[in-house]
Amino acid sequence: MTKKHIALVAHDNKKKELIEWSKSHRDSMLACEVFATGTTGRLLAEAIGMPVHRLQSGPLGGDQQIGALIAEGRIDALIFFWDPLAPLPHDPDIKALLRLAVVWNIPMACNRATADLLFSSPIFLDGYTRGVPDFTDYNNRPL
């Protein structure tokens, strides 16, 4: 079984929920390599007692760093608990991250229910290989 690379992101009002979710899925998380933005990464490492690759805080470029990892094929799933009720000054970065996850066919959960379903899937951690889009024609189009 190949270790899955999971990116975890949570807005301030959703950090507690993501930490609680991570604790409830700790056994599955141990089978993953975890990447997270700034404070979320620190809180996760403390709460679940496992290594977390900490990137910049979202507003300082962490969302974009995760987007770059997705584009490079280094992330297998995105768990992003975002707050739809809070004003988000870095909204363009968030939209760009969500867009990249869709472009590259990355399984993505934006709430606890979907994250639970993703992590409880019998094929997710053992045996799922996502289809990677072929952008050859897009990259070779005339300018």
C-alpha atoms as a PDB file:
ATOM      1  CA  MET A   1       0.000   0.000   0.000  1.00  0.00           C
ATOM      2  CA  THR A   2       1.368   3.389  -1.005  1.00  0.00           C
ATOM      3  CA  LYS A   3       1.141   6.080   1.628  1.00  0.00           C
ATOM      4  CA  LYS A   4      -1.457   8.744   0.757  1.00  0.00           C
ATOM      5  CA  HIS A   5      -0.448  12.400   0.901  1.00  0.00           C
ATOM      6  CA  ILE A   6      -3.222  14.417   2.525  1.00  0.00           C
ATOM      7  CA  ALA A   7      -3.489  18.215   2.704  1.00  0.00           C
ATOM      8  CA  LEU A   8      -5.442  19.639   5.636  1.00  0.00           C
ATOM      9  CA  VAL A   9      -6.579  23.254   5.781  1.00  0.00           C
ATOM     10  CA  ALA A  10      -9.005  24.964   8.153  1.00  0.00           C
ATOM     11  CA  HIS A  11     -10.119  28.524   8.591  1.00  0.00           C
ATOM     12  CA  ASP A  12      -9.957  29.945  12.113  1.00  0.00           C
ATOM     13  CA  ASN A  13     -13.610  29.208  12.931  1.00  0.00           C
ATOM     14  CA  LYS A  14     -13.186  25.614  11.673  1.00  0.00           C
ATOM     15  CA  LYS A  15      -9.838  24.653  13.244  1.00  0.00           C
ATOM     16  CA  LYS A  16     -11.437  23.071  16.321  1.00  0.00           C
ATOM     17  CA  GLU A  17     -13.737  20.994  14.106  1.00  0.00           C
ATOM     18  CA  LEU A  18     -10.820  19.818  11.940  1.00  0.00           C
ATOM     19  CA  ILE A  19      -8.800  18.875  15.031  1.00  0.00           C
ATOM     20  CA  GLU A  20     -11.746  16.880  16.413  1.00  0.00           C
ATOM     21  CA  TRP A  21     -12.214  15.189  13.037  1.00  0.00           C
ATOM     22  CA  SER A  22      -8.499  14.354  12.851  1.00  0.00           C
ATOM     23  CA  LYS A  23      -8.546  12.806  16.308  1.00  0.00           C
ATOM     24  CA  SER A  24     -11.465  10.591  15.323  1.00  0.00           C
ATOM     25  CA  HIS A  25      -9.557   9.446  12.210  1.00  0.00           C
ATOM     26  CA  ARG A  26      -6.115   9.275  13.814  1.00  0.00           C
ATOM     27  CA  ASP A  27      -5.544   5.602  12.923  1.00  0.00           C
ATOM     28  CA  SER A  28      -6.210   6.316   9.247  1.00  0.00           C
ATOM     29  CA  MET A  29      -4.111   9.480   9.403  1.00  0.00           C
ATOM     30  CA  LEU A  30      -1.138   7.465  10.649  1.00  0.00           C
ATOM     31  CA  ALA A  31      -1.171   5.715   7.265  1.00  0.00           C
ATOM     32  CA  CYS A  32      -0.834   9.098   5.531  1.00  0.00           C
ATOM     33  CA  GLU A  33       1.743  11.782   5.053  1.00  0.00           C
ATOM     34  CA  VAL A  34       0.044  14.957   6.246  1.00  0.00           C
ATOM     35  CA  PHE A  35       0.564  18.486   4.921  1.00  0.00           C
ATOM     36  CA  ALA A  36      -1.133  21.501   6.489  1.00  0.00           C
ATOM     37  CA  THR A  37      -1.086  25.261   6.459  1.00  0.00           C
ATOM     38  CA  GLY A  38       0.502  27.256   9.321  1.00  0.00           C
ATOM     39  CA  THR A  39      -1.356  27.220  12.604  1.00  0.00           C
ATOM     40  CA  THR A  40      -3.547  24.319  11.505  1.00  0.00           C
ATOM     41  CA  GLY A  41      -0.406  22.205  11.058  1.00  0.00           C
ATOM     42  CA  ARG A  42       0.915  23.082  14.501  1.00  0.00           C
ATOM     43  CA  LEU A  43      -2.418  22.336  16.175  1.00  0.00           C
ATOM     44  CA  LEU A  44      -2.743  19.041  14.283  1.00  0.00           C
ATOM     45  CA  ALA A  45       0.744  17.862  15.216  1.00  0.00           C
ATOM     46  CA  GLU A  46       0.057  18.633  18.879  1.00  0.00           C
ATOM     47  CA  ALA A  47      -3.416  17.062  18.884  1.00  0.00           C
ATOM     48  CA  ILE A  48      -2.741  13.830  17.018  1.00  0.00           C
ATOM     49  CA  GLY A  49       0.907  13.323  17.939  1.00  0.00           C
ATOM     50  CA  MET A  50       2.248  12.696  14.472  1.00  0.00           C
ATOM     51  CA  PRO A  51       4.483  14.562  12.049  1.00  0.00           C
ATOM     52  CA  VAL A  52       2.848  17.212   9.902  1.00  0.00           C
ATOM     53  CA  HIS A  53       4.560  19.054   7.051  1.00  0.00           C
ATOM     54  CA  ARG A  54       3.782  22.644   8.001  1.00  0.00           C
ATOM     55  CA  LEU A  55       3.515  25.202   5.244  1.00  0.00           C
ATOM     56  CA  GLN A  56       2.880  28.942   5.468  1.00  0.00           C
ATOM     57  CA  SER A  57      -0.346  30.273   6.927  1.00  0.00           C
ATOM     58  CA  GLY A  58      -3.089  30.417   4.278  1.00  0.00           C
ATOM     59  CA  PRO A  59      -3.097  34.218   3.873  1.00  0.00           C
ATOM     60  CA  LEU A  60       0.725  34.180   3.650  1.00  0.00           C
ATOM     61  CA  GLY A  61       0.785  31.689   0.780  1.00  0.00           C
ATOM     62  CA  GLY A  62       0.051  28.321   2.400  1.00  0.00           C
ATOM     63  CA  ASP A  63      -3.048  27.777   0.255  1.00  0.00           C
ATOM     64  CA  GLN A  64      -0.925  28.440  -2.815  1.00  0.00           C
ATOM     65  CA  GLN A  65       1.801  26.090  -1.579  1.00  0.00           C
ATOM     66  CA  ILE A  66      -0.766  23.300  -1.284  1.00  0.00           C
ATOM     67  CA  GLY A  67      -2.065  24.217  -4.732  1.00  0.00           C
ATOM     68  CA  ALA A  68       1.458  23.866  -6.108  1.00  0.00           C
ATOM     69  CA  LEU A  69       1.808  20.431  -4.452  1.00  0.00           C
ATOM     70  CA  ILE A  70      -1.483  19.402  -6.083  1.00  0.00           C
ATOM     71  CA  ALA A  71      -0.294  20.601  -9.510  1.00  0.00           C
ATOM     72  CA  GLU A  72       2.962  18.666  -9.016  1.00  0.00           C
ATOM     73  CA  GLY A  73       1.000  15.465  -8.281  1.00  0.00           C
ATOM     74  CA  ARG A  74       2.183  15.300  -4.668  1.00  0.00           C
ATOM     75  CA  ILE A  75      -1.218  15.474  -2.923  1.00  0.00           C
ATOM     76  CA  ASP A  76      -3.796  12.665  -3.058  1.00  0.00           C
ATOM     77  CA  ALA A  77      -6.659  14.337  -1.175  1.00  0.00           C
ATOM     78  CA  LEU A  78      -7.619  17.732   0.205  1.00  0.00           C
ATOM     79  CA  ILE A  79      -9.550  18.207   3.436  1.00  0.00           C
ATOM     80  CA  PHE A  80     -10.425  21.908   3.603  1.00  0.00           C
ATOM     81  CA  PHE A  81     -12.807  22.994   6.334  1.00  0.00           C
ATOM     82  CA  TRP A  82     -13.568  26.513   5.145  1.00  0.00           C
ATOM     83  CA  ASP A  83     -15.958  28.898   6.790  1.00  0.00           C
ATOM     84  CA  PRO A  84     -18.722  29.986   4.396  1.00  0.00           C
ATOM     85  CA  LEU A  85     -20.081  32.510   6.926  1.00  0.00           C
ATOM     86  CA  ALA A  86     -16.903  34.522   7.550  1.00  0.00           C
ATOM     87  CA  PRO A  87     -15.492  37.245   5.313  1.00  0.00           C
ATOM     88  CA  LEU A  88     -12.325  35.919   3.732  1.00  0.00           C
ATOM     89  CA  PRO A  89      -9.753  38.525   2.724  1.00  0.00           C
ATOM     90  CA  HIS A  90      -7.731  35.920   0.829  1.00  0.00           C
ATOM     91  CA  ASP A  91     -10.775  34.550  -1.024  1.00  0.00           C
ATOM     92  CA  PRO A  92      -8.978  34.486  -4.427  1.00  0.00           C
ATOM     93  CA  ASP A  93      -6.339  32.141  -2.949  1.00  0.00           C
ATOM     94  CA  ILE A  94      -9.048  29.845  -1.592  1.00  0.00           C
ATOM     95  CA  LYS A  95     -10.853  29.746  -4.927  1.00  0.00           C
ATOM     96  CA  ALA A  96      -7.570  29.004  -6.692  1.00  0.00           C
ATOM     97  CA  LEU A  97      -6.870  26.077  -4.331  1.00  0.00           C
ATOM     98  CA  LEU A  98     -10.349  24.617  -4.780  1.00  0.00           C
ATOM     99  CA  ARG A  99     -10.056  25.094  -8.551  1.00  0.00           C
ATOM    100  CA  LEU A 100      -6.729  23.221  -8.683  1.00  0.00           C
ATOM    101  CA  ALA A 101      -8.171  20.325  -6.690  1.00  0.00           C
ATOM    102  CA  VAL A 102     -10.963  20.015  -9.257  1.00  0.00           C
ATOM    103  CA  VAL A 103      -8.637  20.487 -12.268  1.00  0.00           C
ATOM    104  CA  TRP A 104      -6.339  17.705 -11.041  1.00  0.00           C
ATOM    105  CA  ASN A 105      -9.189  15.386  -9.952  1.00  0.00           C
ATOM    106  CA  ILE A 106      -8.198  15.384  -6.280  1.00  0.00           C
ATOM    107  CA  PRO A 107     -10.773  13.962  -3.846  1.00  0.00           C
ATOM    108  CA  MET A 108     -11.802  16.921  -1.718  1.00  0.00           C
ATOM    109  CA  ALA A 109     -13.892  17.359   1.415  1.00  0.00           C
ATOM    110  CA  CYS A 110     -15.021  20.780   2.570  1.00  0.00           C
ATOM    111  CA  ASN A 111     -17.038  19.636   5.570  1.00  0.00           C
ATOM    112  CA  ARG A 112     -16.939  16.949   8.222  1.00  0.00           C
ATOM    113  CA  ALA A 113     -19.608  14.741   6.646  1.00  0.00           C
ATOM    114  CA  THR A 114     -17.738  14.496   3.348  1.00  0.00           C
ATOM    115  CA  ALA A 115     -14.392  14.014   5.101  1.00  0.00           C
ATOM    116  CA  ASP A 116     -15.939  11.165   7.126  1.00  0.00           C
ATOM    117  CA  LEU A 117     -17.212   9.512   3.950  1.00  0.00           C
ATOM    118  CA  LEU A 118     -13.857   9.890   2.202  1.00  0.00           C
ATOM    119  CA  PHE A 119     -11.871   8.404   5.085  1.00  0.00           C
ATOM    120  CA  SER A 120     -14.365   5.607   5.712  1.00  0.00           C
ATOM    121  CA  SER A 121     -14.267   4.464   2.085  1.00  0.00           C
ATOM    122  CA  PRO A 122     -12.692   0.999   1.934  1.00  0.00           C
ATOM    123  CA  ILE A 123     -10.787   1.894  -1.223  1.00  0.00           C
ATOM    124  CA  PHE A 124      -9.441   5.310  -0.244  1.00  0.00           C
ATOM    125  CA  LEU A 125      -6.405   4.308   1.813  1.00  0.00           C
ATOM    126  CA  ASP A 126      -5.881   0.949   0.141  1.00  0.00           C
ATOM    127  CA  GLY A 127      -6.315   0.585  -3.563  1.00  0.00           C
ATOM    128  CA  TYR A 128      -7.740   3.815  -4.925  1.00  0.00           C
ATOM    129  CA  THR A 129      -5.861   5.320  -7.832  1.00  0.00           C
ATOM    130  CA  ARG A 130      -7.373   8.539  -9.089  1.00  0.00           C
ATOM    131  CA  GLY A 131      -7.393   9.300 -12.772  1.00  0.00           C
ATOM    132  CA  VAL A 132      -4.908  12.017 -13.615  1.00  0.00           C
ATOM    133  CA  PRO A 133      -6.132  14.290 -16.415  1.00  0.00           C
ATOM    134  CA  ASP A 134      -4.060  14.476 -19.570  1.00  0.00           C
ATOM    135  CA  PHE A 135      -3.495  18.119 -20.465  1.00  0.00           C
ATOM    136  CA  THR A 136      -1.220  17.440 -23.451  1.00  0.00           C
ATOM    137  CA  ASP A 137      -3.627  19.072 -25.915  1.00  0.00           C
ATOM    138  CA  TYR A 138      -4.103  22.042 -23.592  1.00  0.00           C
ATOM    139  CA  ASN A 139      -0.359  22.521 -23.154  1.00  0.00           C
ATOM    140  CA  ASN A 140       0.291  22.220 -26.911  1.00  0.00           C
ATOM    141  CA  ARG A 141      -2.454  24.578 -28.110  1.00  0.00           C
ATOM    142  CA  PRO A 142      -1.374  27.482 -30.295  1.00  0.00           C
ATOM    143  CA  LEU A 143      -1.174  30.845 -28.610  1.00  0.00           C
END
